[in-house]
Amino acid sequence: MIEWANAQLAPVLALDTPSGLDLTVGHVHHPTVQAAATLTLALPKSGLFTKEAKEVRGDLYLGNIGVPPEIVC
């Protein structure tokens, strides 16, 4: 499905992370979705900011899903 999505002419939007991207360390596995934009939820994950990840995540947006600030470490 990832290869199919990457072959489409329409831009791909990733929800939370492009499939195939490790959000902890930012390692890009094969295959990984080539997103035009990523809507990450609650908090930006550190793996989205590596040079490797920036090449596959596209524009980055943060979606507020109502996580109370007092539970964020």
PDB file of N, CA and C in Angstrom:
ATOM      1  N   MET A   1       0.815  -1.192   0.000  1.00  0.00           N
ATOM      2  CA  MET A   1       0.000   0.000   0.000  1.00  0.00           C
ATOM      3  C   MET A   1       0.868   1.269   0.000  1.00  0.00           C
ATOM      4  N   ILE A   2       1.986   1.222   0.695  1.00  0.00           N
ATOM      5  CA  ILE A   2       2.873   2.390   0.717  1.00  0.00           C
ATOM      6  C   ILE A   2       3.401   2.678  -0.682  1.00  0.00           C
ATOM      7  N   GLU A   3       3.855   1.659  -1.358  1.00  0.00           N
ATOM      8  CA  GLU A   3       4.359   1.867  -2.715  1.00  0.00           C
ATOM      9  C   GLU A   3       3.257   2.362  -3.637  1.00  0.00           C
ATOM     10  N   TRP A   4       2.044   1.837  -3.466  1.00  0.00           N
ATOM     11  CA  TRP A   4       0.906   2.291  -4.257  1.00  0.00           C
ATOM     12  C   TRP A   4       0.643   3.771  -3.989  1.00  0.00           C
ATOM     13  N   ALA A   5       0.603   4.162  -2.702  1.00  0.00           N
ATOM     14  CA  ALA A   5       0.345   5.563  -2.344  1.00  0.00           C
ATOM     15  C   ALA A   5       1.409   6.480  -2.929  1.00  0.00           C
ATOM     16  N   ASN A   6       2.660   6.071  -2.856  1.00  0.00           N
ATOM     17  CA  ASN A   6       3.748   6.894  -3.386  1.00  0.00           C
ATOM     18  C   ASN A   6       3.687   7.049  -4.906  1.00  0.00           C
ATOM     19  N   ALA A   7       3.043   6.116  -5.583  1.00  0.00           N
ATOM     20  CA  ALA A   7       2.953   6.171  -7.047  1.00  0.00           C
ATOM     21  C   ALA A   7       1.803   7.043  -7.550  1.00  0.00           C
ATOM     22  N   GLN A   8       0.944   7.525  -6.659  1.00  0.00           N
ATOM     23  CA  GLN A   8      -0.208   8.322  -7.060  1.00  0.00           C
ATOM     24  C   GLN A   8       0.202   9.747  -7.424  1.00  0.00           C
ATOM     25  N   LEU A   9      -0.567  10.372  -8.290  1.00  0.00           N
ATOM     26  CA  LEU A   9      -0.310  11.763  -8.663  1.00  0.00           C
ATOM     27  C   LEU A   9      -0.793  12.735  -7.604  1.00  0.00           C
ATOM     28  N   ALA A  10      -1.812  12.332  -6.834  1.00  0.00           N
ATOM     29  CA  ALA A  10      -2.368  13.200  -5.799  1.00  0.00           C
ATOM     30  C   ALA A  10      -1.405  13.274  -4.608  1.00  0.00           C
ATOM     31  N   PRO A  11      -1.332  14.434  -3.944  1.00  0.00           N
ATOM     32  CA  PRO A  11      -0.478  14.538  -2.756  1.00  0.00           C
ATOM     33  C   PRO A  11      -0.999  13.642  -1.632  1.00  0.00           C
ATOM     34  N   VAL A  12      -0.085  13.135  -0.828  1.00  0.00           N
ATOM     35  CA  VAL A  12      -0.425  12.248   0.282  1.00  0.00           C
ATOM     36  C   VAL A  12      -0.323  13.028   1.587  1.00  0.00           C
ATOM     37  N   LEU A  13      -1.340  12.910   2.434  1.00  0.00           N
ATOM     38  CA  LEU A  13      -1.333  13.502   3.768  1.00  0.00           C
ATOM     39  C   LEU A  13      -1.123  12.383   4.771  1.00  0.00           C
ATOM     40  N   ALA A  14      -0.107  12.512   5.619  1.00  0.00           N
ATOM     41  CA  ALA A  14       0.158  11.527   6.662  1.00  0.00           C
ATOM     42  C   ALA A  14      -0.489  12.002   7.960  1.00  0.00           C
ATOM     43  N   LEU A  15      -1.115  11.075   8.658  1.00  0.00           N
ATOM     44  CA  LEU A  15      -1.738  11.389   9.942  1.00  0.00           C
ATOM     45  C   LEU A  15      -0.846  10.856  11.050  1.00  0.00           C
ATOM     46  N   ASP A  16      -0.304  11.738  11.842  1.00  0.00           N
ATOM     47  CA  ASP A  16       0.619  11.525  12.944  1.00  0.00           C
ATOM     48  C   ASP A  16       2.033  11.238  12.457  1.00  0.00           C
ATOM     49  N   THR A  17       2.196  10.319  11.516  1.00  0.00           N
ATOM     50  CA  THR A  17       3.513  10.035  10.943  1.00  0.00           C
ATOM     51  C   THR A  17       3.354   9.393   9.567  1.00  0.00           C
ATOM     52  N   PRO A  18       4.293   9.631   8.672  1.00  0.00           N
ATOM     53  CA  PRO A  18       4.267   8.858   7.436  1.00  0.00           C
ATOM     54  C   PRO A  18       4.556   7.391   7.769  1.00  0.00           C
ATOM     55  N   SER A  19       3.758   6.483   7.281  1.00  0.00           N
ATOM     56  CA  SER A  19       3.998   5.062   7.530  1.00  0.00           C
ATOM     57  C   SER A  19       5.398   4.695   7.070  1.00  0.00           C
ATOM     58  N   GLY A  20       6.118   3.985   7.934  1.00  0.00           N
ATOM     59  CA  GLY A  20       7.484   3.585   7.629  1.00  0.00           C
ATOM     60  C   GLY A  20       8.529   4.445   8.304  1.00  0.00           C
ATOM     61  N   LEU A  21       8.116   5.536   8.938  1.00  0.00           N
ATOM     62  CA  LEU A  21       9.045   6.425   9.640  1.00  0.00           C
ATOM     63  C   LEU A  21       9.007   6.106  11.135  1.00  0.00           C
ATOM     64  N   ASP A  22      10.172   5.891  11.719  1.00  0.00           N
ATOM     65  CA  ASP A  22      10.284   5.648  13.159  1.00  0.00           C
ATOM     66  C   ASP A  22      10.231   6.998  13.874  1.00  0.00           C
ATOM     67  N   LEU A  23       9.177   7.234  14.631  1.00  0.00           N
ATOM     68  CA  LEU A  23       8.994   8.528  15.289  1.00  0.00           C
ATOM     69  C   LEU A  23       9.941   8.759  16.457  1.00  0.00           C
ATOM     70  N   THR A  24      10.540   7.706  16.977  1.00  0.00           N
ATOM     71  CA  THR A  24      11.448   7.864  18.110  1.00  0.00           C
ATOM     72  C   THR A  24      12.801   8.417  17.669  1.00  0.00           C
ATOM     73  N   VAL A  25      13.370   7.827  16.619  1.00  0.00           N
ATOM     74  CA  VAL A  25      14.719   8.230  16.196  1.00  0.00           C
ATOM     75  C   VAL A  25      14.761   8.863  14.810  1.00  0.00           C
ATOM     76  N   GLY A  26      13.650   8.810  14.076  1.00  0.00           N
ATOM     77  CA  GLY A  26      13.593   9.437  12.759  1.00  0.00           C
ATOM     78  C   GLY A  26      14.150   8.593  11.635  1.00  0.00           C
ATOM     79  N   HIS A  27      14.360   7.294  11.889  1.00  0.00           N
ATOM     80  CA  HIS A  27      14.876   6.412  10.835  1.00  0.00           C
ATOM     81  C   HIS A  27      13.783   6.156   9.797  1.00  0.00           C
ATOM     82  N   VAL A  28      14.151   6.267   8.530  1.00  0.00           N
ATOM     83  CA  VAL A  28      13.225   6.017   7.428  1.00  0.00           C
ATOM     84  C   VAL A  28      13.442   4.584   6.945  1.00  0.00           C
ATOM     85  N   HIS A  29      12.437   3.744   7.131  1.00  0.00           N
ATOM     86  CA  HIS A  29      12.496   2.359   6.681  1.00  0.00           C
ATOM     87  C   HIS A  29      12.078   2.293   5.211  1.00  0.00           C
ATOM     88  N   HIS A  30      12.268   1.123   4.610  1.00  0.00           N
ATOM     89  CA  HIS A  30      11.829   0.948   3.223  1.00  0.00           C
ATOM     90  C   HIS A  30      10.698  -0.066   3.187  1.00  0.00           C
ATOM     91  N   PRO A  31       9.566   0.285   2.614  1.00  0.00           N
ATOM     92  CA  PRO A  31       9.218   1.583   2.038  1.00  0.00           C
ATOM     93  C   PRO A  31       8.669   2.525   3.111  1.00  0.00           C
ATOM     94  N   THR A  32       8.669   3.795   2.814  1.00  0.00           N
ATOM     95  CA  THR A  32       8.082   4.822   3.673  1.00  0.00           C
ATOM     96  C   THR A  32       7.234   5.738   2.804  1.00  0.00           C
ATOM     97  N   VAL A  33       6.100   6.148   3.318  1.00  0.00           N
ATOM     98  CA  VAL A  33       5.222   7.085   2.612  1.00  0.00           C
ATOM     99  C   VAL A  33       5.969   8.399   2.388  1.00  0.00           C
ATOM    100  N   GLN A  34       5.872   8.913   1.182  1.00  0.00           N
ATOM    101  CA  GLN A  34       6.422  10.226   0.835  1.00  0.00           C
ATOM    102  C   GLN A  34       5.279  11.230   0.949  1.00  0.00           C
ATOM    103  N   ALA A  35       5.141  11.849   2.094  1.00  0.00           N
ATOM    104  CA  ALA A  35       4.005  12.731   2.370  1.00  0.00           C
ATOM    105  C   ALA A  35       4.268  14.155   1.885  1.00  0.00           C
ATOM    106  N   ALA A  36       3.226  14.768   1.359  1.00  0.00           N
ATOM    107  CA  ALA A  36       3.294  16.197   1.018  1.00  0.00           C
ATOM    108  C   ALA A  36       3.166  17.021   2.290  1.00  0.00           C
ATOM    109  N   ALA A  37       2.437  16.463   3.273  1.00  0.00           N
ATOM    110  CA  ALA A  37       2.252  17.112   4.566  1.00  0.00           C
ATOM    111  C   ALA A  37       1.941  16.044   5.609  1.00  0.00           C
ATOM    112  N   THR A  38       2.296  16.346   6.852  1.00  0.00           N
ATOM    113  CA  THR A  38       2.014  15.453   7.975  1.00  0.00           C
ATOM    114  C   THR A  38       1.299  16.246   9.055  1.00  0.00           C
ATOM    115  N   LEU A  39       0.179  15.708   9.519  1.00  0.00           N
ATOM    116  CA  LEU A  39      -0.542  16.281  10.652  1.00  0.00           C
ATOM    117  C   LEU A  39      -0.243  15.381  11.843  1.00  0.00           C
ATOM    118  N   THR A  40       0.663  15.834  12.710  1.00  0.00           N
ATOM    119  CA  THR A  40       1.003  15.050  13.889  1.00  0.00           C
ATOM    120  C   THR A  40       0.072  15.459  15.027  1.00  0.00           C
ATOM    121  N   LEU A  41      -0.243  14.532  15.898  1.00  0.00           N
ATOM    122  CA  LEU A  41      -1.263  14.748  16.921  1.00  0.00           C
ATOM    123  C   LEU A  41      -0.663  14.931  18.308  1.00  0.00           C
ATOM    124  N   ALA A  42      -1.271  15.827  19.080  1.00  0.00           N
ATOM    125  CA  ALA A  42      -0.951  16.099  20.483  1.00  0.00           C
ATOM    126  C   ALA A  42       0.373  16.849  20.653  1.00  0.00           C
ATOM    127  N   LEU A  43       1.488  16.202  20.340  1.00  0.00           N
ATOM    128  CA  LEU A  43       2.810  16.813  20.494  1.00  0.00           C
ATOM    129  C   LEU A  43       3.679  16.451  19.295  1.00  0.00           C
ATOM    130  N   PRO A  44       4.594  17.339  18.921  1.00  0.00           N
ATOM    131  CA  PRO A  44       5.523  16.960  17.860  1.00  0.00           C
ATOM    132  C   PRO A  44       6.468  15.875  18.379  1.00  0.00           C
ATOM    133  N   LYS A  45       6.660  14.817  17.613  1.00  0.00           N
ATOM    134  CA  LYS A  45       7.530  13.721  18.003  1.00  0.00           C
ATOM    135  C   LYS A  45       8.947  14.012  17.510  1.00  0.00           C
ATOM    136  N   SER A  46       9.937  13.665  18.323  1.00  0.00           N
ATOM    137  CA  SER A  46      11.324  14.009  18.010  1.00  0.00           C
ATOM    138  C   SER A  46      11.796  13.434  16.680  1.00  0.00           C
ATOM    139  N   GLY A  47      11.313  12.259  16.309  1.00  0.00           N
ATOM    140  CA  GLY A  47      11.733  11.634  15.065  1.00  0.00           C
ATOM    141  C   GLY A  47      11.316  12.384  13.817  1.00  0.00           C
ATOM    142  N   LEU A  48      10.401  13.326  13.938  1.00  0.00           N
ATOM    143  CA  LEU A  48       9.952  14.102  12.781  1.00  0.00           C
ATOM    144  C   LEU A  48      10.932  15.198  12.375  1.00  0.00           C
ATOM    145  N   PHE A  49      11.969  15.415  13.191  1.00  0.00           N
ATOM    146  CA  PHE A  49      12.855  16.552  12.958  1.00  0.00           C
ATOM    147  C   PHE A  49      14.247  16.170  12.468  1.00  0.00           C
ATOM    148  N   THR A  50      14.500  14.889  12.229  1.00  0.00           N
ATOM    149  CA  THR A  50      15.795  14.507  11.679  1.00  0.00           C
ATOM    150  C   THR A  50      15.839  14.898  10.202  1.00  0.00           C
ATOM    151  N   LYS A  51      17.053  15.023   9.681  1.00  0.00           N
ATOM    152  CA  LYS A  51      17.201  15.381   8.264  1.00  0.00           C
ATOM    153  C   LYS A  51      16.512  14.339   7.383  1.00  0.00           C
ATOM    154  N   GLU A  52      16.690  13.072   7.724  1.00  0.00           N
ATOM    155  CA  GLU A  52      16.094  11.971   6.969  1.00  0.00           C
ATOM    156  C   GLU A  52      14.564  12.068   6.981  1.00  0.00           C
ATOM    157  N   ALA A  53      13.997  12.357   8.145  1.00  0.00           N
ATOM    158  CA  ALA A  53      12.544  12.437   8.286  1.00  0.00           C
ATOM    159  C   ALA A  53      11.966  13.634   7.533  1.00  0.00           C
ATOM    160  N   LYS A  54      12.660  14.742   7.563  1.00  0.00           N
ATOM    161  CA  LYS A  54      12.169  15.942   6.880  1.00  0.00           C
ATOM    162  C   LYS A  54      11.974  15.708   5.387  1.00  0.00           C
ATOM    163  N   GLU A  55      12.733  14.769   4.829  1.00  0.00           N
ATOM    164  CA  GLU A  55      12.619  14.472   3.402  1.00  0.00           C
ATOM    165  C   GLU A  55      11.356  13.693   3.057  1.00  0.00           C
ATOM    166  N   VAL A  56      10.738  13.022   4.044  1.00  0.00           N
ATOM    167  CA  VAL A  56       9.545  12.218   3.767  1.00  0.00           C
ATOM    168  C   VAL A  56       8.276  12.758   4.420  1.00  0.00           C
ATOM    169  N   ARG A  57       8.384  13.648   5.375  1.00  0.00           N
ATOM    170  CA  ARG A  57       7.195  14.103   6.104  1.00  0.00           C
ATOM    171  C   ARG A  57       6.457  15.246   5.419  1.00  0.00           C
ATOM    172  N   GLY A  58       7.141  16.004   4.551  1.00  0.00           N
ATOM    173  CA  GLY A  58       6.526  17.170   3.929  1.00  0.00           C
ATOM    174  C   GLY A  58       6.327  18.282   4.950  1.00  0.00           C
ATOM    175  N   ASP A  59       5.379  19.168   4.682  1.00  0.00           N
ATOM    176  CA  ASP A  59       5.071  20.244   5.626  1.00  0.00           C
ATOM    177  C   ASP A  59       4.521  19.613   6.900  1.00  0.00           C
ATOM    178  N   LEU A  60       4.872  20.175   8.050  1.00  0.00           N
ATOM    179  CA  LEU A  60       4.460  19.606   9.333  1.00  0.00           C
ATOM    180  C   LEU A  60       3.451  20.513  10.027  1.00  0.00           C
ATOM    181  N   TYR A  61       2.347  19.906  10.459  1.00  0.00           N
ATOM    182  CA  TYR A  61       1.299  20.615  11.193  1.00  0.00           C
ATOM    183  C   TYR A  61       1.026  19.871  12.487  1.00  0.00           C
ATOM    184  N   LEU A  62       0.640  20.605  13.526  1.00  0.00           N
ATOM    185  CA  LEU A  62       0.324  20.020  14.825  1.00  0.00           C
ATOM    186  C   LEU A  62      -1.177  20.097  15.055  1.00  0.00           C
ATOM    187  N   GLY A  63      -1.793  18.945  15.335  1.00  0.00           N
ATOM    188  CA  GLY A  63      -3.224  18.883  15.605  1.00  0.00           C
ATOM    189  C   GLY A  63      -3.480  18.800  17.102  1.00  0.00           C
ATOM    190  N   ASN A  64      -4.192  19.770  17.632  1.00  0.00           N
ATOM    191  CA  ASN A  64      -4.548  19.768  19.054  1.00  0.00           C
ATOM    192  C   ASN A  64      -5.711  18.809  19.249  1.00  0.00           C
ATOM    193  N   ILE A  65      -5.474  17.742  20.016  1.00  0.00           N
ATOM    194  CA  ILE A  65      -6.538  16.773  20.280  1.00  0.00           C
ATOM    195  C   ILE A  65      -6.987  16.823  21.741  1.00  0.00           C
ATOM    196  N   GLY A  66      -6.681  17.929  22.427  1.00  0.00           N
ATOM    197  CA  GLY A  66      -7.180  18.155  23.769  1.00  0.00           C
ATOM    198  C   GLY A  66      -6.406  17.473  24.881  1.00  0.00           C
ATOM    199  N   VAL A  67      -5.134  17.167  24.662  1.00  0.00           N
ATOM    200  CA  VAL A  67      -4.332  16.571  25.729  1.00  0.00           C
ATOM    201  C   VAL A  67      -4.046  17.666  26.751  1.00  0.00           C
ATOM    202  N   PRO A  68      -4.437  17.448  28.031  1.00  0.00           N
ATOM    203  CA  PRO A  68      -4.218  18.470  29.052  1.00  0.00           C
ATOM    204  C   PRO A  68      -2.727  18.741  29.270  1.00  0.00           C
ATOM    205  N   PRO A  69      -2.319  20.004  29.369  1.00  0.00           N
ATOM    206  CA  PRO A  69      -0.915  20.336  29.537  1.00  0.00           C
ATOM    207  C   PRO A  69      -0.279  19.697  30.768  1.00  0.00           C
ATOM    208  N   GLU A  70      -1.040  19.461  31.817  1.00  0.00           N
ATOM    209  CA  GLU A  70      -0.462  18.905  33.041  1.00  0.00           C
ATOM    210  C   GLU A  70      -0.004  17.448  32.917  1.00  0.00           C
ATOM    211  N   ILE A  71      -0.432  16.750  31.864  1.00  0.00           N
ATOM    212  CA  ILE A  71       0.045  15.365  31.692  1.00  0.00           C
ATOM    213  C   ILE A  71       1.170  15.239  30.680  1.00  0.00           C
ATOM    214  N   VAL A  72       1.561  16.348  30.100  1.00  0.00           N
ATOM    215  CA  VAL A  72       2.655  16.334  29.132  1.00  0.00           C
ATOM    216  C   VAL A  72       3.964  16.436  29.901  1.00  0.00           C
ATOM    217  N   CYS A  73       4.859  15.493  29.642  1.00  0.00           N
ATOM    218  CA  CYS A  73       6.155  15.471  30.348  1.00  0.00           C
ATOM    219  C   CYS A  73       7.141  16.386  29.693  1.00  0.00           C
TER     220      CYS A  73
END
